[in-house]
Structures are given as structure tokens and as C-alpha cells.
Protein backbone atom coordinates (compact mmCIF):
# COMPACT_ATOMS: atom_id res chain seq x y z
CA MET A 1 -0.02 -0.01 0.22
CA LEU A 2 2.92 2.40 0.37
CA ALA A 3 4.38 1.68 -2.31
CA LEU A 4 0.92 2.67 -4.33
CA ARG A 5 1.64 6.55 -2.77
CA ILE A 6 5.55 6.07 -3.72
CA LYS A 7 4.64 5.13 -6.79
CA GLU A 8 2.34 8.18 -7.30
CA ALA A 9 4.89 10.63 -6.22
CA VAL A 10 6.84 9.41 -8.73
CA ARG A 11 4.35 10.33 -10.98
CA LYS A 12 4.31 13.72 -9.59
CA GLY A 13 7.66 14.43 -9.96
CA ALA A 14 9.83 13.05 -6.92
CA THR A 15 12.91 11.51 -6.98
CA LEU A 16 13.20 7.90 -5.94
CA VAL A 17 16.36 6.36 -5.35
CA VAL A 18 16.15 2.62 -4.04
CA ALA A 19 19.32 1.11 -1.84
CA ASP A 20 18.93 -2.75 -1.58
CA PRO A 21 21.37 -5.21 -2.33
CA ARG A 22 18.33 -6.88 -4.48
CA LYS A 23 16.53 -5.41 -7.67
CA ILE A 24 13.06 -4.88 -6.26
CA TRP A 25 9.79 -3.63 -7.87
CA LEU A 26 10.10 -0.12 -7.28
CA THR A 27 13.84 0.00 -8.55
CA LYS A 28 12.17 0.35 -12.40
CA LEU A 29 11.13 3.85 -11.22
CA ALA A 30 14.05 4.83 -9.23
CA LYS A 31 16.56 7.34 -10.91
CA ARG A 32 19.27 5.30 -9.03
CA HIS A 33 19.60 2.06 -7.54
CA LEU A 34 22.16 1.64 -4.62
CA GLN A 35 23.05 -2.21 -4.82
CA LEU A 36 25.06 -2.59 -1.85
CA ARG A 37 26.38 -5.68 -0.61
CA PRO A 38 24.35 -6.66 2.56
CA GLY A 39 25.58 -5.72 5.83
CA THR A 40 27.37 -2.69 5.00
CA ASP A 41 24.76 0.37 5.65
CA VAL A 42 27.06 1.88 7.77
CA TRP A 43 29.76 2.70 5.25
CA LEU A 44 26.91 3.91 2.49
CA LEU A 45 25.66 5.99 5.07
CA ASN A 46 28.77 7.33 6.55
CA ALA A 47 30.06 8.22 2.81
CA MET A 48 26.87 9.95 2.21
CA MET A 49 27.18 12.13 5.48
CA HIS A 50 31.06 12.51 4.62
CA THR A 51 30.04 13.95 1.03
CA ILE A 52 27.44 16.45 2.74
CA LEU A 53 29.98 17.69 5.14
CA GLU A 54 32.84 17.70 2.52
CA GLU A 55 30.69 19.90 0.23
CA GLY A 56 28.62 21.89 2.84
CA LEU A 57 25.14 20.99 2.65
CA GLN A 58 24.40 20.15 5.95
CA ASP A 59 21.90 22.09 8.29
CA ASP A 60 24.04 24.47 10.13
CA GLU A 61 21.37 26.72 11.77
CA TYR A 62 19.37 23.30 12.74
CA ILE A 63 22.37 21.41 14.34
CA ARG A 64 23.15 24.17 16.50
CA GLU A 65 19.78 25.01 17.43
CA THR A 66 17.92 21.42 17.84
CA THR A 67 20.88 18.63 18.20
CA ASP A 68 23.75 17.58 20.67
CA ASP A 69 26.93 15.48 20.38
CA PHE A 70 27.55 16.83 16.31
CA GLU A 71 31.28 16.86 16.20
CA VAL A 72 31.87 13.41 17.28
CA VAL A 73 29.93 12.26 14.21
CA ARG A 74 31.63 14.78 12.26
CA GLU A 75 35.47 13.19 13.07
CA ILE A 76 34.05 9.71 12.13
CA VAL A 77 32.57 10.29 8.87
CA THR A 78 35.83 11.95 7.58
CA ARG A 79 37.55 8.44 7.68
CA TYR A 80 34.56 7.12 5.05
CA PRO A 81 34.89 8.62 1.66
CA PRO A 82 32.74 7.61 -1.14
CA GLU A 83 35.78 6.11 -3.10
CA GLU A 84 36.88 3.53 -0.03
CA ALA A 85 32.98 2.93 0.66
CA GLU A 86 32.12 1.69 -2.93
CA LYS A 87 35.35 -1.12 -2.45
CA VAL A 88 33.19 -1.92 0.94
CA THR A 89 29.45 -1.46 -0.59
CA GLY A 90 30.04 -2.15 -4.46
CA VAL A 91 28.48 0.87 -4.82
CA PRO A 92 29.98 3.39 -7.07
CA ALA A 93 31.58 6.33 -5.28
CA GLU A 94 29.96 8.94 -7.60
CA ASP A 95 26.52 7.33 -7.11
CA ILE A 96 26.56 7.88 -3.36
CA ARG A 97 27.83 11.31 -3.49
CA ALA A 98 25.12 12.18 -5.99
CA THR A 99 22.19 10.87 -3.77
CA ALA A 100 24.05 12.54 -0.77
CA ARG A 101 23.84 15.93 -2.88
CA GLU A 102 19.91 15.30 -4.06
CA TYR A 103 19.16 14.26 -0.19
CA ALA A 104 20.95 17.59 1.83
CA ARG A 105 19.67 19.83 -1.10
CA GLU A 106 16.24 18.89 -1.11
CA ARG A 107 13.42 20.32 1.29
CA HIS A 108 11.13 17.61 1.24
CA ALA A 109 13.36 14.53 1.82
CA GLY A 110 12.11 11.38 3.63
CA ILE A 111 14.04 7.81 4.24
CA PHE A 112 11.75 4.78 4.92
CA TYR A 113 12.85 1.71 5.67
CA THR A 114 12.03 -1.74 6.68
CA LEU A 115 13.71 -5.16 7.48
CA GLY A 116 16.25 -4.90 5.20
CA ILE A 117 17.98 -1.97 7.56
CA THR A 118 16.99 -3.67 10.86
CA GLU A 119 17.55 -7.27 10.45
CA HIS A 120 21.45 -7.11 11.32
CA ALA A 121 23.73 -7.73 14.01
CA CYS A 122 24.34 -3.82 13.64
CA GLY A 123 20.42 -2.89 12.98
CA VAL A 124 20.72 -0.40 15.81
CA ASP A 125 23.80 1.05 14.27
CA ASN A 126 22.15 1.34 10.93
CA ILE A 127 19.00 3.17 12.70
CA TRP A 128 21.65 5.56 14.32
CA SER A 129 23.60 6.49 11.08
CA LEU A 130 20.08 6.91 9.34
CA SER A 131 18.86 9.09 12.20
CA ASN A 132 22.36 11.15 12.02
CA LEU A 133 22.05 11.53 8.52
CA VAL A 134 18.64 13.33 9.06
CA LEU A 135 19.57 15.14 11.78
CA MET A 136 22.73 16.77 9.52
CA THR A 137 20.75 17.43 7.17
CA GLY A 138 17.83 19.29 9.10
CA HIS A 139 14.91 16.72 7.63
CA LEU A 140 12.97 16.54 10.93
CA GLY A 141 9.85 18.04 12.23
CA TYR A 142 8.24 19.12 8.99
CA GLU A 143 5.88 17.65 6.73
CA SER A 144 7.51 14.81 4.06
CA THR A 145 10.83 14.15 5.87
CA GLY A 146 12.03 11.97 8.54
CA LEU A 147 13.00 8.64 9.63
CA ASN A 148 10.08 6.64 8.71
CA ALA A 149 9.83 2.84 9.59
CA LEU A 150 7.78 0.81 7.27
CA ARG A 151 6.02 -1.72 9.91
CA GLY A 152 5.67 -5.29 8.26
CA GLN A 153 1.92 -6.38 9.24
CA ASN A 154 -1.09 -4.23 9.54
CA ASN A 155 -1.11 -3.79 13.48
CA VAL A 156 2.24 -3.82 14.67
CA GLN A 157 2.83 -0.14 15.39
CA GLY A 158 -0.49 -1.20 17.67
CA LEU A 159 1.04 -3.65 18.99
CA ASN A 160 3.92 -1.85 20.54
CA ASP A 161 1.74 1.01 21.44
CA SER A 162 0.18 -1.47 23.76
CA GLY A 163 3.03 -2.21 25.63
CA ALA A 164 4.05 -5.47 23.87
CA ASN A 165 7.80 -4.84 24.30
CA PRO A 166 9.37 -6.38 27.74
CA SER A 167 11.01 -3.04 28.34
CA TYR A 168 7.84 -0.73 28.40
CA LEU A 169 4.22 -0.65 29.60
CA PRO A 170 1.34 0.91 27.44
CA GLY A 171 2.19 3.87 25.83
CA TYR A 172 6.12 3.48 25.87
CA GLN A 173 6.22 4.11 29.24
CA PRO A 174 9.57 2.62 30.76
CA VAL A 175 9.06 -0.06 33.21
CA ASP A 176 12.15 0.47 35.21
CA ASP A 177 10.63 4.07 36.02
CA PRO A 178 9.18 4.36 39.67
CA GLU A 179 6.59 6.93 39.06
CA THR A 180 5.59 5.03 36.11
CA ARG A 181 5.04 1.53 37.88
CA ARG A 182 3.10 3.27 40.89
CA LYS A 183 0.74 4.88 38.33
CA PHE A 184 0.10 1.38 36.61
CA ALA A 185 -0.22 -0.37 40.18
CA GLU A 186 -2.80 1.86 41.25
CA ALA A 187 -5.05 1.37 37.98
CA TRP A 188 -4.46 -2.20 37.88
CA GLY A 189 -4.56 -2.91 41.70
CA VAL A 190 -1.24 -5.02 41.51
CA GLU A 191 2.50 -4.60 41.95
CA VAL A 192 4.42 -3.94 38.86
CA PRO A 193 7.84 -5.51 38.98
CA GLU A 194 10.32 -3.41 38.21
CA ARG A 195 12.52 -5.96 35.89
CA PRO A 196 11.88 -5.83 32.07
CA GLY A 197 10.44 -9.09 30.66
CA TYR A 198 12.90 -11.29 28.11
CA ARG A 199 13.09 -9.90 25.18
CA LEU A 200 12.22 -12.96 22.11
CA ASP A 201 16.09 -13.71 21.06
CA GLN A 202 16.51 -14.10 25.30
CA MET A 203 13.02 -16.44 25.14
CA ILE A 204 14.55 -18.74 22.73
CA SER A 205 18.06 -18.98 24.40
CA GLY A 206 15.75 -20.02 27.63
CA LEU A 207 14.04 -22.74 25.79
CA HIS A 208 17.72 -24.70 26.38
CA ASP A 209 18.92 -23.09 29.60
CA GLY A 210 16.07 -24.21 31.67
CA ARG A 211 14.83 -20.52 32.28
CA ILE A 212 11.77 -21.13 29.84
CA LYS A 213 9.67 -24.08 30.74
CA ALA A 214 6.08 -23.50 29.31
CA LEU A 215 5.45 -21.08 26.73
CA TYR A 216 1.82 -19.54 25.86
CA LEU A 217 2.07 -18.45 21.39
CA ILE A 218 -0.24 -15.95 20.33
CA GLY A 219 -0.22 -15.78 16.22
CA GLU A 220 2.94 -17.07 16.29
CA ASN A 221 5.25 -19.67 14.71
CA PRO A 222 8.52 -19.56 16.12
CA ALA A 223 9.87 -23.17 14.65
CA GLN A 224 9.77 -21.13 10.98
CA THR A 225 10.00 -17.43 11.55
CA GLU A 226 12.90 -17.45 13.89
CA PRO A 227 16.58 -18.04 12.68
CA ASN A 228 18.54 -20.93 13.18
CA ALA A 229 15.45 -22.89 13.42
CA ARG A 230 16.74 -26.23 14.18
CA HIS A 231 17.91 -24.98 17.17
CA VAL A 232 14.32 -23.90 18.10
CA GLU A 233 12.80 -26.65 17.08
CA GLU A 234 14.99 -28.43 19.69
CA GLY A 235 13.88 -26.42 22.45
CA LEU A 236 10.14 -26.23 21.48
CA GLU A 237 10.78 -30.22 21.74
CA GLY A 238 11.64 -29.98 25.29
CA LEU A 239 9.12 -27.64 26.92
CA ASP A 240 6.97 -28.85 29.88
CA PHE A 241 4.20 -27.13 28.02
CA LEU A 242 3.24 -25.33 25.29
CA MET A 243 -0.18 -23.35 24.24
CA SER A 244 -1.30 -21.89 21.34
CA GLN A 245 -4.06 -19.69 20.90
CA ASP A 246 -4.16 -18.67 16.86
CA ILE A 247 -6.86 -19.40 14.06
CA PHE A 248 -5.18 -22.16 12.00
CA LEU A 249 -2.44 -24.75 13.27
CA ASN A 250 1.16 -23.91 12.17
CA ASP A 251 4.43 -25.40 12.12
CA SER A 252 4.95 -24.86 15.58
CA THR A 253 1.38 -25.76 17.08
CA ARG A 254 1.01 -28.45 14.61
CA ARG A 255 4.48 -30.29 15.87
CA TYR A 256 4.74 -29.36 19.51
CA ALA A 257 1.62 -27.59 21.43
CA ASP A 258 -0.17 -29.40 24.34
CA VAL A 259 -3.37 -27.08 23.68
CA VAL A 260 -4.09 -24.90 20.78
CA LEU A 261 -6.80 -22.36 21.77
CA PRO A 262 -9.10 -21.45 18.74
CA ALA A 263 -9.14 -17.86 18.37
CA SER A 264 -10.45 -14.83 16.22
CA SER A 265 -9.14 -13.44 12.93
CA PHE A 266 -9.35 -9.63 12.42
CA ALA A 267 -12.97 -10.23 10.30
CA GLU A 268 -14.58 -11.75 13.73
CA LYS A 269 -13.48 -8.98 16.32
CA ASP A 270 -14.13 -5.53 17.09
CA GLY A 271 -11.01 -3.09 18.52
CA THR A 272 -8.39 -0.87 16.80
CA PHE A 273 -5.70 -0.89 14.00
CA THR A 274 -2.85 1.20 14.48
CA ASN A 275 -0.98 1.82 10.90
CA THR A 276 2.80 2.54 10.43
CA GLU A 277 1.83 6.41 10.21
CA ARG A 278 0.69 6.13 14.01
CA ARG A 279 -3.20 6.17 12.40
CA ILE A 280 -5.51 4.51 15.12
CA SER A 281 -8.55 3.42 13.05
CA ARG A 282 -11.95 1.38 14.37
CA VAL A 283 -12.00 -2.25 13.01
CA ARG A 284 -15.40 -3.85 13.29
CA ALA A 285 -16.64 -7.63 13.84
CA ALA A 286 -17.86 -8.41 10.09
CA ALA A 287 -18.87 -11.89 10.51
CA PRO A 288 -19.54 -14.28 13.71
CA LEU A 289 -17.06 -16.63 15.64
CA PRO A 290 -16.88 -19.88 14.23
CA GLY A 291 -17.25 -22.81 15.85
CA LYS A 292 -15.77 -23.12 19.22
CA ALA A 293 -13.46 -19.60 18.47
CA LYS A 294 -13.48 -16.68 21.27
CA VAL A 295 -12.15 -13.36 20.87
CA ASP A 296 -8.65 -12.90 22.17
CA ARG A 297 -9.78 -10.65 24.65
CA GLU A 298 -12.05 -13.11 26.20
CA ILE A 299 -9.31 -16.07 25.86
CA VAL A 300 -6.56 -13.84 27.82
CA ILE A 301 -9.05 -12.63 30.77
CA LEU A 302 -10.00 -16.69 31.12
CA MET A 303 -6.51 -17.67 31.20
CA ALA A 304 -5.95 -14.85 33.90
CA LYS A 305 -8.89 -15.90 35.90
CA ALA A 306 -7.93 -19.12 35.74
CA LEU A 307 -4.52 -18.52 37.16
CA GLY A 308 -6.07 -16.81 39.73
CA ALA A 309 -6.12 -13.00 38.75
CA ASN A 310 -8.90 -10.63 39.74
CA TRP A 311 -9.43 -8.86 36.35
CA PRO A 312 -12.42 -6.71 35.57
CA GLU A 313 -14.42 -8.52 32.73
CA TYR A 314 -13.95 -5.70 29.86
CA PRO A 315 -17.06 -6.32 28.26
CA ASP A 316 -16.18 -5.12 25.22
CA ALA A 317 -13.03 -3.56 23.18
CA GLU A 318 -14.05 0.06 23.97
CA SER A 319 -13.46 -0.59 27.60
CA VAL A 320 -9.48 -1.86 26.97
CA TRP A 321 -8.92 1.19 25.21
CA ASN A 322 -10.22 3.55 27.04
CA GLU A 323 -7.97 2.22 30.06
CA LEU A 324 -5.10 2.27 27.72
CA ALA A 325 -5.63 5.90 26.83
CA ASP A 326 -6.31 6.76 30.21
CA LEU A 327 -2.47 5.69 31.37
CA SER A 328 -1.05 6.83 28.45
CA PRO A 329 -1.08 10.75 27.61
CA ASN A 330 -0.23 10.17 24.08
CA TRP A 331 -3.20 8.48 23.78
CA TYR A 332 -5.67 10.45 26.02
CA GLY A 333 -7.78 12.33 23.55
CA ILE A 334 -8.30 9.57 21.43
CA ARG A 335 -11.64 7.78 22.19
CA TYR A 336 -14.11 5.77 20.20
CA ASP A 337 -16.87 8.25 19.17
CA ARG A 338 -13.51 10.53 17.71
CA ILE A 339 -12.55 7.56 15.49
CA GLU A 340 -16.10 6.32 14.65
CA GLU A 341 -15.44 7.49 11.05
CA ASN A 342 -11.78 8.45 10.37
CA GLY A 343 -8.70 7.29 12.18
CA MET A 344 -6.61 9.81 14.33
CA GLN A 345 -2.95 10.18 15.01
CA TRP A 346 -1.11 9.70 18.16
CA PRO A 347 -0.14 12.11 19.99
CA CYS A 348 -3.23 13.57 20.81
CA THR A 349 -2.76 14.67 24.44
CA ASP A 350 -6.51 16.01 25.35
CA LEU A 351 -10.01 15.44 23.66
CA ASP A 352 -9.66 19.20 22.31
CA HIS A 353 -6.44 17.83 20.52
CA PRO A 354 -6.92 16.98 16.68
CA GLY A 355 -3.79 14.63 16.49
CA THR A 356 -0.31 15.49 14.77
CA PRO A 357 0.10 14.31 11.60
CA TYR A 358 3.96 14.45 11.41
CA LEU A 359 6.57 14.23 14.77
CA HIS A 360 8.88 16.29 16.22
CA ALA A 361 7.77 20.01 15.28
CA PRO A 362 9.22 22.06 16.24
CA ARG A 363 11.86 20.06 18.16
CA PRO A 364 12.75 16.63 18.55
CA ALA A 365 10.43 15.17 21.02
CA LEU A 366 13.06 13.81 23.31
CA PRO A 367 13.02 15.02 26.97
CA THR A 368 15.92 17.89 26.14
CA GLY A 369 13.66 18.96 23.15
CA ARG A 370 17.07 18.40 21.24
CA GLY A 371 18.30 15.33 18.78
CA ARG A 372 21.15 13.62 19.92
CA PHE A 373 23.81 12.52 17.21
CA PHE A 374 25.17 8.76 17.87
CA PRO A 375 29.11 7.98 16.43
CA VAL A 376 28.63 5.24 14.69
CA GLU A 377 31.85 2.74 13.09
CA PHE A 378 31.27 -0.14 10.66
CA GLN A 379 31.34 -3.77 12.32
CA PRO A 380 31.32 -6.54 9.44
CA PRO A 381 28.60 -8.90 9.40
CA ILE A 382 28.92 -11.54 11.93
CA GLU A 383 29.45 -14.50 9.15
CA GLU A 384 30.79 -13.48 5.46
CA PRO A 385 31.79 -15.86 2.51
CA ASP A 386 34.63 -18.33 2.42
CA SER A 387 35.86 -20.98 -0.08
CA GLU A 388 33.64 -23.69 2.29
CA TYR A 389 30.61 -21.46 1.85
CA PRO A 390 31.02 -18.85 -1.07
CA PHE A 391 27.67 -17.44 -1.40
CA VAL A 392 25.97 -14.40 0.93
CA LEU A 393 22.10 -15.83 1.62
CA THR A 394 19.72 -12.45 2.05
CA THR A 395 16.11 -13.05 3.32
CA GLY A 396 12.78 -11.60 2.53
CA ARG A 397 8.85 -11.78 1.72
CA THR A 398 7.59 -11.71 -1.53
CA LEU A 399 3.99 -9.81 -2.90
CA TYR A 400 2.10 -13.08 -2.59
CA HIS A 401 2.50 -14.14 1.00
CA TYR A 402 2.24 -12.90 4.44
CA ASN A 403 5.02 -13.92 6.75
CA SER A 404 5.06 -17.41 7.50
CA ALA A 405 2.34 -17.99 5.09
CA ASN A 406 0.12 -19.72 7.57
CA MET A 407 -3.12 -18.10 6.28
CA THR A 408 -2.38 -17.12 2.40
CA MET A 409 -0.69 -20.78 1.67
CA ARG A 410 -4.50 -22.14 2.44
CA GLU A 411 -6.02 -19.43 -0.77
CA PRO A 412 -5.68 -21.19 -4.27
CA GLY A 413 -5.49 -17.79 -5.49
CA VAL A 414 -2.52 -17.04 -4.56
CA THR A 415 -0.84 -20.54 -3.98
CA ASP A 416 -1.45 -20.77 -7.90
CA LYS A 417 1.19 -17.63 -8.31
CA GLN A 418 3.52 -19.32 -5.69
CA GLN A 419 3.53 -22.45 -3.69
CA ALA A 420 6.61 -24.20 -4.77
CA PRO A 421 9.55 -23.28 -2.29
CA PHE A 422 12.47 -21.62 -4.43
CA PHE A 423 15.44 -19.07 -4.07
CA GLU A 424 17.27 -16.49 -6.70
CA ILE A 425 20.57 -17.11 -7.74
CA HIS A 426 22.53 -14.97 -11.01
CA ALA A 427 22.41 -17.31 -14.11
CA GLU A 428 26.01 -16.82 -13.77
CA ASP A 429 26.56 -18.46 -10.65
CA ALA A 430 23.85 -21.19 -11.38
CA GLY A 431 25.67 -21.97 -14.76
CA ALA A 432 28.86 -22.24 -13.63
CA LEU A 433 27.57 -24.76 -10.88
CA GLY A 434 25.78 -26.75 -13.79
CA ILE A 435 22.26 -25.80 -12.43
CA ALA A 436 19.56 -25.34 -14.94
CA ASP A 437 16.89 -22.67 -14.30
CA ARG A 438 13.83 -23.86 -12.17
CA GLU A 439 15.66 -27.48 -11.36
CA VAL A 440 15.73 -28.16 -8.03
CA ALA A 441 19.23 -27.82 -5.91
CA ARG A 442 20.58 -27.36 -2.25
CA LEU A 443 21.38 -24.57 -0.08
CA VAL A 444 23.84 -25.22 2.57
CA SER A 445 25.21 -23.40 5.66
CA ARG A 446 26.93 -24.46 8.71
CA ARG A 447 23.52 -25.02 10.53
CA GLY A 448 21.43 -26.85 7.76
CA ALA A 449 20.36 -27.63 4.20
CA LEU A 450 17.05 -27.66 2.19
CA GLU A 451 16.06 -28.19 -1.48
CA ALA A 452 14.21 -25.57 -3.50
CA GLU A 453 13.79 -24.36 -7.21
CA ALA A 454 16.86 -22.44 -8.44
CA HIS A 455 15.07 -19.36 -10.17
CA TYR A 456 17.69 -17.37 -12.59
CA SER A 457 17.37 -14.26 -11.50
CA GLU A 458 18.56 -10.67 -12.76
CA ARG A 459 17.43 -9.12 -9.33
CA VAL A 460 20.59 -10.91 -7.23
CA TYR A 461 24.04 -10.08 -8.28
CA PRO A 462 26.75 -12.64 -8.81
CA GLY A 463 27.81 -14.20 -5.03
CA LEU A 464 24.36 -13.34 -3.63
CA VAL A 465 21.31 -15.67 -3.01
CA TRP A 466 18.02 -14.59 -2.09
CA MET A 467 15.26 -16.90 -0.74
CA ALA A 468 11.61 -16.26 0.97
CA LEU A 469 10.90 -17.13 4.37
CA HIS A 470 7.04 -18.55 3.53
CA PHE A 471 7.78 -22.15 2.94
CA ALA A 472 7.28 -24.25 5.81
CA ASP A 473 8.24 -27.65 4.02
CA GLN A 474 12.10 -25.81 3.15
CA LYS A 475 12.25 -23.81 5.69
CA VAL A 476 15.10 -20.74 4.72
CA ASN A 477 15.72 -20.28 8.64
CA TRP A 478 17.17 -23.77 8.75
CA LEU A 479 20.30 -21.94 7.59
CA THR A 480 20.27 -18.59 9.18
CA HIS A 481 21.95 -17.88 12.36
CA ASP A 482 21.08 -16.47 15.40
CA VAL A 483 23.82 -13.92 16.22
CA GLY A 484 21.61 -10.41 16.46
CA ASP A 485 21.85 -7.17 17.47
CA PRO A 486 24.08 -7.21 21.27
CA LEU A 487 21.56 -4.18 22.53
CA ILE A 488 18.12 -5.55 21.42
CA GLY A 489 19.19 -8.82 20.03
CA THR A 490 17.70 -8.76 16.46
CA PRO A 491 18.93 -11.83 14.78
CA GLU A 492 21.09 -11.33 11.37
CA TYR A 493 18.66 -12.56 9.00
CA LYS A 494 20.06 -10.55 5.95
CA VAL A 495 23.81 -12.22 5.87
CA SER A 496 24.37 -15.37 6.17
CA ALA A 497 27.28 -17.94 4.58
CA VAL A 498 25.74 -20.49 2.17
CA ARG A 499 27.11 -23.05 -0.87
CA VAL A 500 24.60 -24.06 -3.39
CA GLU A 501 24.80 -27.48 -4.87
CA PRO A 502 23.24 -29.38 -7.44
CA ARG A 503 20.74 -31.71 -5.88
């Protein structure tokens, strides 16, 4: 859906530059494709900032009035000239310079990123680098600018807003803040723990070291979606108890669950969705619940009561939303009667507030009101190709399927388009290996192997292999490694070393 908006902007005269190791459909509309090697984003971005500073294109007034720690970043990026960046990233130095100039000089310039930036062991560094670029050029705090994270599913934003993060209570209020804990303790009538919960990567390691003996999955399929999947499967197998709440059986629940509770789909319940632009919209049930299925809210409440918690009934989705809004200042002004027809964007701090179309105006929304530069040095990928595993494997999604394809693989209209597992490989590489187009071949990494059709593709360059995560019978995550970002644990799905073999 966002791509449609991007296409519309290009038709109206906007300049589009795509930075991606693989040619994507939007590349056809782009003025320039920066086809960088996976895991070299920091080199590319620092080289762009090198050019901006070298040519005096930075926004000195914005830097002086609204930011801190700029000089440290200035010193670091001087060591990243585009000519050296070309050797590391594979992107021509002149393309780096041209993109830097265009971005710095254009008043209305936005950056849009997704998992290709975050799914690295240096994912946080990548985001900090993008943030440095935005602050350096003053592209923050007004319309059609900023650093824009494109969420992968339709309510990921709402999920995080509501507190599905181990370090935050609803509304991004830190769990380690005593005043925040006191407020929620009074509202909920319980003591709120001061220690953050486990991140997902910590949960997976906890399956193996005895910290986690039971797991409650809601709409998740870790045996397919988590990296180093054989290791994950061993952990799930060793659990004392696994319960799943879902609308279909998936690979994890079918093989490992002790109990499966039938849940409700989006079309069978009321509530809200919050999209990637922070717009909160109403969702209304369009179909009755099938069989023994229940609304997710009811299942969770029944579980809490069965475990001895004295939870209120929460008779409808609106009552849940009102509690969240009452306890979260940025959502306080958004109530169902205000989003009956059209959605509203948070922050919305009181009942007369119109909502916020774009963030950080007139200053970055930080406690100091100032944006902070953060110095970033390049760190190479955890695993790089060698003589035994000479290819780089990177992963992603296709247009036709949705995440682990547990829903879309059931739809004939989709599977007619794409059902068999496949990977993309450059014809030059496949030909040298004696593998014909559409022939089944093997991908092998240090963690596992799979078989899938080898599709000759000009989308990848020689030495790069790409595969989607949608195929449960031949999981690409058997191949990926589970070393992640040291700060937040996000795994490096985008760079794994593999070899390709005829079957």
C-alpha cells in the first residue's frame, strides 16, 4: 500500500532512490539503485554524510539549535570517503555522492526503511546512522520528511503502542521508572515488576538453559520464523508445556503444542488497528465467530482468572482501549467517538487535540527537546562468505505471501501464483555450478540444508542468493544464524554464508 503512494509521488515528479542488495519492483521507477552488499549500510550512510560535510551541505542552523554531539559524528565520517565506500559496498562512489547531494538539497526529503535495515547484528547502528543523516540535514519536524519505519504487518505499530515490549508498559512508558510503575499499580491493583521481561532472543535461549519451561504463543510460529530454526525446534521439543492461541494450526503448534485455543481473525472482532503513520482506526466484526472460537480478549481474561488473577470483565474492546488511553498521555484524547468515521494520529493529548500528522515539530520529541547524534563505526557481518560457503544468503518476503504463509498458503488464488519453495540466483553462478533454471538444488549453511527450485534472476548479483521465509516444508531459517544485535537482540537474517549444490 505504501508502494502505491511512492509510485504516485514519482509520477508527480519526486526523485526516488532505492538502496537494496536486490532489485525490487520499485527499482524500475527509481532514478538510481544503490545495490549495496548486505551488511554494509553503515559504510554507505557514513560516506553520504562524508560528502555532505565535505561539500558544506549540512544544515548548520538546525544542528546548532536542535541537536547535541554533532562534532563526534563529524570526526568519524571523515574516515568514510565514497571512494573507499565503493570498495566495501559495491556502490559506485559517484552514485553515493549524487544521492547525498540530492538528499541534502531537497527540502522535502524522507527516508523509508524496513527489515533490510533492522535485521542485522548491527541493526541499531544502521538506525543511528540513518538518524545522524536526518539530523545533519535538518530533515525532521516538518511534513514529508523524517525517518519512517515501515511496519511489516497491519497492526505491529498498535501492538508496540499497547505494551508488547519487554521494556515498556503501554504508551512506551518505561517499566524501570518508579512513577510509571506506581501509576499502573494503582490502576491495576497489583505490584508491577521493575525488571523488564525477556526479549524474544532471550526467550529462545531460555528454552535451552532451563529458564523457560512453558510457553504461551498468540499468533506466532517461531519454528518457522526464528533464525537457526533447528535450534528453535529442539527448544520447543524440550518444553514442559506449550499452549497456542491461533486461528489455524501452524508448524509450531502442529508439532509441539499441548493445547491449542481457537482464536478470532481480524474480521471476527472489534477493536483498533494502528498503522505505520500512527493512525488509529476502528475495526468492526464483519463475521460471526466460528465453532468454539473466542475473541482474543476473552481468552486472555479467562486464562488470567484460571491462574487466580482477579481481572475485571472488560465487556468490550472499547473498555480496553479506554484504560490504555487513560494511562497513556499520548493517547488520552483518542476515544471511540472521535474515530468512528476517520482515524486519528497520536500523539493526541486531550479531547480537543486534533492529532499529530507528523512528529518532532518544532523540536525532536525527547526530554531535552534536542536530537542526539550518535557516532557509528562500521562492524562487518557476523558471518561472511569463504571457500566452503562462498555465497551470501539474504532473506525476505514476496508480494503474494504473508509472513510464514499460514493463511496465504490456504488460498488457491495465491498458491496458483506461488507455492513451491524457490530461491533466486544469478544465471552466471548457477551455470557455473551446472544448475539449470527451475531445477531443484540444495542450499547448505553451517546450520542446515534445504532443497528448492533455483530461479535464474537478474534481481541478485553474482555471489548473492535470496530466498523468502514463507515455505514451511523447506525453511530458509534452517540456514540463518541466530547471532543478533547486542543491544536489542534482533537476529541477522540478512547475511548468512551458504553454498549451492546440484541435488
